[in-house]
C-alpha atoms as a PDB file:
ATOM      1  CA  MET A   1     180.147 184.443 177.365  1.00  0.00           C
ATOM      2  CA  LYS A   2     178.214 187.240 176.007  1.00  0.00           C
ATOM      3  CA  LYS A   3     174.944 188.406 177.233  1.00  0.00           C
ATOM      4  CA  GLN A   4     172.190 188.286 174.709  1.00  0.00           C
ATOM      5  CA  ASN A   5     170.436 191.510 174.344  1.00  0.00           C
ATOM      6  CA  ALA A   6     166.653 191.389 174.480  1.00  0.00           C
ATOM      7  CA  PRO A   7     164.885 192.569 171.351  1.00  0.00           C
ATOM      8  CA  ALA A   8     164.009 196.245 171.344  1.00  0.00           C
ATOM      9  CA  GLY A   9     160.554 196.845 172.867  1.00  0.00           C
ATOM     10  CA  ALA A  10     160.505 193.651 175.023  1.00  0.00           C
ATOM     11  CA  GLU A  11     160.064 194.280 178.645  1.00  0.00           C
ATOM     12  CA  GLU A  12     160.532 191.928 181.519  1.00  0.00           C
ATOM     13  CA  ALA A  13     157.397 191.038 183.333  1.00  0.00           C
ATOM     14  CA  LYS A  14     157.574 192.205 186.894  1.00  0.00           C
ATOM     15  CA  ALA A  15     156.208 190.027 189.587  1.00  0.00           C
ATOM     16  CA  PRO A  16     154.015 191.636 192.218  1.00  0.00           C
ATOM     17  CA  ALA A  17     155.781 192.623 195.368  1.00  0.00           C
ATOM     18  CA  ASN A  18     153.709 190.252 197.474  1.00  0.00           C
ATOM     19  CA  PRO A  19     152.778 187.320 195.238  1.00  0.00           C
ATOM     20  CA  GLY A  20     150.082 185.762 197.452  1.00  0.00           C
ATOM     21  CA  GLN A  21     148.146 188.988 198.053  1.00  0.00           C
ATOM     22  CA  ASN A  22     146.060 190.390 195.213  1.00  0.00           C
ATOM     23  CA  GLU A  23     143.934 193.372 195.810  1.00  0.00           C
ATOM     24  CA  ALA A  24     140.566 192.309 197.160  1.00  0.00           C
ATOM     25  CA  LYS A  25     137.707 193.898 195.281  1.00  0.00           C
ATOM     26  CA  GLU A  26     134.440 194.279 197.068  1.00  0.00           C
ATOM     27  CA  VAL A  27     131.622 193.173 194.728  1.00  0.00           C
ATOM     28  CA  LYS A  28     128.331 195.018 195.437  1.00  0.00           C
ATOM     29  CA  PHE A  29     125.125 193.450 194.023  1.00  0.00           C
ATOM     30  CA  GLN A  30     122.216 195.675 193.129  1.00  0.00           C
ATOM     31  CA  PRO A  31     118.898 194.579 194.533  1.00  0.00           C
ATOM     32  CA  LEU A  32     116.742 192.736 191.872  1.00  0.00           C
ATOM     33  CA  ALA A  33     113.735 194.445 190.494  1.00  0.00           C
ATOM     34  CA  PRO A  34     110.408 193.219 191.838  1.00  0.00           C
ATOM     35  CA  GLU A  35     109.518 191.739 188.445  1.00  0.00           C
ATOM     36  CA  VAL A  36     112.680 189.691 188.382  1.00  0.00           C
ATOM     37  CA  GLN A  37     112.076 188.534 191.956  1.00  0.00           C
ATOM     38  CA  GLU A  38     108.525 187.469 190.944  1.00  0.00           C
ATOM     39  CA  LEU A  39     109.870 185.653 187.938  1.00  0.00           C
ATOM     40  CA  ILE A  40     112.414 183.843 190.073  1.00  0.00           C
ATOM     41  CA  THR A  41     109.784 182.865 192.559  1.00  0.00           C
ATOM     42  CA  ARG A  42     107.384 181.535 189.888  1.00  0.00           C
ATOM     43  CA  LEU A  43     110.140 179.623 188.148  1.00  0.00           C
ATOM     44  CA  LYS A  44     111.132 177.994 191.465  1.00  0.00           C
ATOM     45  CA  GLN A  45     107.478 176.967 191.982  1.00  0.00           C
ATOM     46  CA  GLU A  46     107.171 175.626 188.506  1.00  0.00           C
ATOM     47  CA  ASN A  47     110.391 173.650 188.965  1.00  0.00           C
ATOM     48  CA  ALA A  48     109.103 172.203 192.137  1.00  0.00           C
ATOM     49  CA  SER A  49     105.815 171.089 190.569  1.00  0.00           C
ATOM     50  CA  LEU A  50     107.695 169.572 187.624  1.00  0.00           C
ATOM     51  CA  GLN A  51     109.923 167.663 189.919  1.00  0.00           C
ATOM     52  CA  ALA A  52     106.912 166.385 191.799  1.00  0.00           C
ATOM     53  CA  GLN A  53     105.481 165.180 188.517  1.00  0.00           C
ATOM     54  CA  LEU A  54     108.670 163.349 187.659  1.00  0.00           C
ATOM     55  CA  ILE A  55     108.544 161.558 191.003  1.00  0.00           C
ATOM     56  CA  GLN A  56     104.981 160.450 190.262  1.00  0.00           C
ATOM     57  CA  HIS A  57     105.915 158.668 186.962  1.00  0.00           C
ATOM     58  CA  PRO A  58     106.789 155.030 187.223  1.00  0.00           C
ATOM     59  CA  THR A  59     110.364 153.795 186.964  1.00  0.00           C
ATOM     60  CA  SER A  60     110.264 150.106 186.785  1.00  0.00           C
ATOM     61  CA  LEU A  61     108.885 148.206 183.779  1.00  0.00           C
ATOM     62  CA  GLU A  62     106.095 146.578 185.773  1.00  0.00           C
ATOM     63  CA  ASP A  63     104.970 150.023 187.082  1.00  0.00           C
ATOM     64  CA  LYS A  64     105.089 151.569 183.536  1.00  0.00           C
ATOM     65  CA  ILE A  65     102.913 148.784 182.210  1.00  0.00           C
ATOM     66  CA  LYS A  66     100.516 149.284 185.040  1.00  0.00           C
ATOM     67  CA  PHE A  67     100.550 152.991 184.629  1.00  0.00           C
ATOM     68  CA  PHE A  68      99.673 152.772 180.860  1.00  0.00           C
ATOM     69  CA  GLN A  69      96.993 150.098 181.452  1.00  0.00           C
ATOM     70  CA  GLU A  70      95.264 152.367 183.883  1.00  0.00           C
ATOM     71  CA  LYS A  71      95.642 155.333 181.460  1.00  0.00           C
ATOM     72  CA  LYS A  72      94.133 153.178 178.697  1.00  0.00           C
ATOM     73  CA  ALA A  73      91.152 152.246 180.978  1.00  0.00           C
ATOM     74  CA  LYS A  74      90.536 155.916 181.657  1.00  0.00           C
ATOM     75  CA  ILE A  75      90.775 156.723 177.955  1.00  0.00           C
ATOM     76  CA  ASP A  76      88.175 154.047 177.200  1.00  0.00           C
ATOM     77  CA  LYS A  77      85.974 155.270 179.931  1.00  0.00           C
ATOM     78  CA  LEU A  78      86.144 158.756 178.602  1.00  0.00           C
ATOM     79  CA  ALA A  79      85.243 157.506 175.129  1.00  0.00           C
ATOM     80  CA  LYS A  80      82.151 155.806 176.480  1.00  0.00           C
ATOM     81  CA  LEU A  81      81.085 158.953 178.432  1.00  0.00           C
ATOM     82  CA  ASP A  82      81.676 161.036 175.214  1.00  0.00           C
ATOM     83  CA  ALA A  83      79.362 158.690 173.248  1.00  0.00           C
ATOM     84  CA  TYR A  84      76.756 158.595 176.025  1.00  0.00           C
ATOM     85  CA  ALA A  85      76.863 162.459 176.291  1.00  0.00           C
ATOM     86  CA  GLN A  86      76.387 162.843 172.549  1.00  0.00           C
ATOM     87  CA  GLY A  87      73.375 160.499 172.591  1.00  0.00           C
ATOM     88  CA  LEU A  88      71.837 162.509 175.528  1.00  0.00           C
ATOM     89  CA  VAL A  89      72.454 165.837 173.629  1.00  0.00           C
ATOM     90  CA  LYS A  90      70.568 164.421 170.644  1.00  0.00           C
ATOM     91  CA  ILE A  91      67.784 163.140 172.764  1.00  0.00           C
ATOM     92  CA  GLY A  92      67.599 166.407 174.648  1.00  0.00           C
ATOM     93  CA  GLN A  93      67.306 168.376 171.443  1.00  0.00           C
ATOM     94  CA  GLU A  94      64.430 166.049 170.285  1.00  0.00           C
ATOM     95  CA  ALA A  95      62.690 166.475 173.614  1.00  0.00           C
ATOM     96  CA  GLN A  96      63.119 170.235 173.415  1.00  0.00           C
ATOM     97  CA  GLU A  97      61.409 170.209 170.060  1.00  0.00           C
ATOM     98  CA  ALA A  98      58.621 168.001 171.516  1.00  0.00           C
ATOM     99  CA  SER A  99      58.197 170.526 174.438  1.00  0.00           C
ATOM    100  CA  GLU A 100      57.639 173.311 171.838  1.00  0.00           C
ATOM    101  CA  ALA A 101      54.767 171.250 170.463  1.00  0.00           C
ATOM    102  CA  ASP A 102      53.181 170.477 173.809  1.00  0.00           C
ATOM    103  CA  GLU A 103      54.947 171.530 176.985  1.00  0.00           C
ATOM    104  CA  PHE A 104      52.871 169.528 179.378  1.00  0.00           C
ATOM    105  CA  PHE A 105      52.838 166.044 177.929  1.00  0.00           C
ATOM    106  CA  SER A 106      54.794 163.790 175.643  1.00  0.00           C
ATOM    107  CA  GLU A 107      54.219 160.198 174.789  1.00  0.00           C
ATOM    108  CA  LYS A 108      57.642 159.765 173.224  1.00  0.00           C
ATOM    109  CA  TYR A 109      59.899 161.170 176.084  1.00  0.00           C
ATOM    110  CA  SER A 110      59.568 160.325 179.857  1.00  0.00           C
ATOM    111  CA  VAL A 111      61.707 159.886 182.917  1.00  0.00           C
ATOM    112  CA  ARG A 112      60.994 156.945 185.106  1.00  0.00           C
ATOM    113  CA  VAL A 113      62.079 155.976 188.565  1.00  0.00           C
ATOM    114  CA  SER A 114      61.508 152.326 189.171  1.00  0.00           C
ATOM    115  CA  ARG A 115      62.190 149.785 191.820  1.00  0.00           C
ATOM    116  CA  LYS A 116      62.771 146.111 191.496  1.00  0.00           C
ATOM    117  CA  THR A 117      59.789 144.097 192.911  1.00  0.00           C
ATOM    118  CA  ASN A 118      61.290 140.652 192.842  1.00  0.00           C
ATOM    119  CA  SER A 119      64.930 139.789 193.599  1.00  0.00           C
ATOM    120  CA  TYR A 120      64.755 136.781 191.230  1.00  0.00           C
ATOM    121  CA  ARG A 121      63.110 138.356 188.223  1.00  0.00           C
ATOM    122  CA  ASP A 122      63.765 141.462 186.325  1.00  0.00           C
ATOM    123  CA  GLU A 123      60.432 142.985 187.123  1.00  0.00           C
ATOM    124  CA  PHE A 124      60.246 146.734 187.889  1.00  0.00           C
ATOM    125  CA  GLU A 125      57.515 148.772 189.312  1.00  0.00           C
ATOM    126  CA  ASP A 126      57.342 152.573 188.356  1.00  0.00           C
ATOM    127  CA  VAL A 127      57.530 154.650 191.408  1.00  0.00           C
ATOM    128  CA  LEU A 128      57.606 157.918 189.381  1.00  0.00           C
ATOM    129  CA  LYS A 129      56.976 158.659 185.767  1.00  0.00           C
ATOM    130  CA  ILE A 130      57.369 162.152 184.300  1.00  0.00           C
ATOM    131  CA  GLN A 131      56.063 162.738 180.821  1.00  0.00           C
ATOM    132  CA  ASN A 132      56.466 166.492 180.904  1.00  0.00           C
ATOM    133  CA  PRO A 133      59.038 167.289 178.187  1.00  0.00           C
ATOM    134  CA  VAL A 134      60.202 170.492 179.836  1.00  0.00           C
ATOM    135  CA  LEU A 135      61.085 168.368 182.948  1.00  0.00           C
ATOM    136  CA  VAL A 136      62.636 165.658 180.841  1.00  0.00           C
ATOM    137  CA  VAL A 137      64.929 168.276 179.200  1.00  0.00           C
ATOM    138  CA  GLU A 138      65.912 169.596 182.699  1.00  0.00           C
ATOM    139  CA  VAL A 139      66.701 166.162 183.918  1.00  0.00           C
ATOM    140  CA  LEU A 140      68.840 165.453 180.842  1.00  0.00           C
ATOM    141  CA  GLY A 141      70.615 168.798 181.246  1.00  0.00           C
ATOM    142  CA  TYR A 142      71.396 167.860 184.839  1.00  0.00           C
ATOM    143  CA  ALA A 143      72.655 164.402 183.793  1.00  0.00           C
ATOM    144  CA  LEU A 144      74.858 166.121 181.096  1.00  0.00           C
ATOM    145  CA  GLU A 145      76.387 168.523 183.677  1.00  0.00           C
ATOM    146  CA  ARG A 146      77.300 165.539 185.842  1.00  0.00           C
ATOM    147  CA  ILE A 147      78.713 163.648 182.841  1.00  0.00           C
ATOM    148  CA  ASN A 148      80.744 166.641 181.744  1.00  0.00           C
ATOM    149  CA  SER A 149      82.189 167.174 185.117  1.00  0.00           C
ATOM    150  CA  LYS A 150      83.321 163.513 185.237  1.00  0.00           C
ATOM    151  CA  ARG A 151      84.721 163.825 181.673  1.00  0.00           C
ATOM    152  CA  ASN A 152      86.689 166.851 182.727  1.00  0.00           C
ATOM    153  CA  GLN A 153      88.099 164.989 185.713  1.00  0.00           C
ATOM    154  CA  LEU A 154      89.111 161.953 183.504  1.00  0.00           C
ATOM    155  CA  GLN A 155      90.596 164.247 180.959  1.00  0.00           C
ATOM    156  CA  THR A 156      92.752 165.908 183.702  1.00  0.00           C
ATOM    157  CA  GLU A 157      93.850 162.512 185.018  1.00  0.00           C
ATOM    158  CA  ILE A 158      94.798 161.338 181.439  1.00  0.00           C
ATOM    159  CA  GLU A 159      96.819 164.474 180.796  1.00  0.00           C
ATOM    160  CA  ALA A 160      98.643 164.249 184.130  1.00  0.00           C
END
């Protein structure tokens, strides 16, 4: 038999002398820039907070139904507070206009503190009655601040 000649230019691949031992290269990492380290830290924190939010969401059908019913109740409560706040703003503007006319007395606007005199009837006795429109506007402003803080709290709970 004749030996076949390899085509010109073809070379035999040579196996390494020690097949199991490749040259070990040391990989050296450069330290990360402080901006990159801060970014990594911030992303890890954001990841942890998102995972915590996922855990809080309901998994079973009953829990989901309850979750959305509670959310709907909060939305309804927020809508009521919004309407109430809008009404108080309108009254506050009218009382402000009345205080410009007479800042010591107003027959149209007053703040009352009353107590129930009889437990069986709806009779109330005025304990305090303020008819000063400047004070009425201040009381309305305080009430609006409290309503707005509750509205913000409800809005945060709804969005969560």
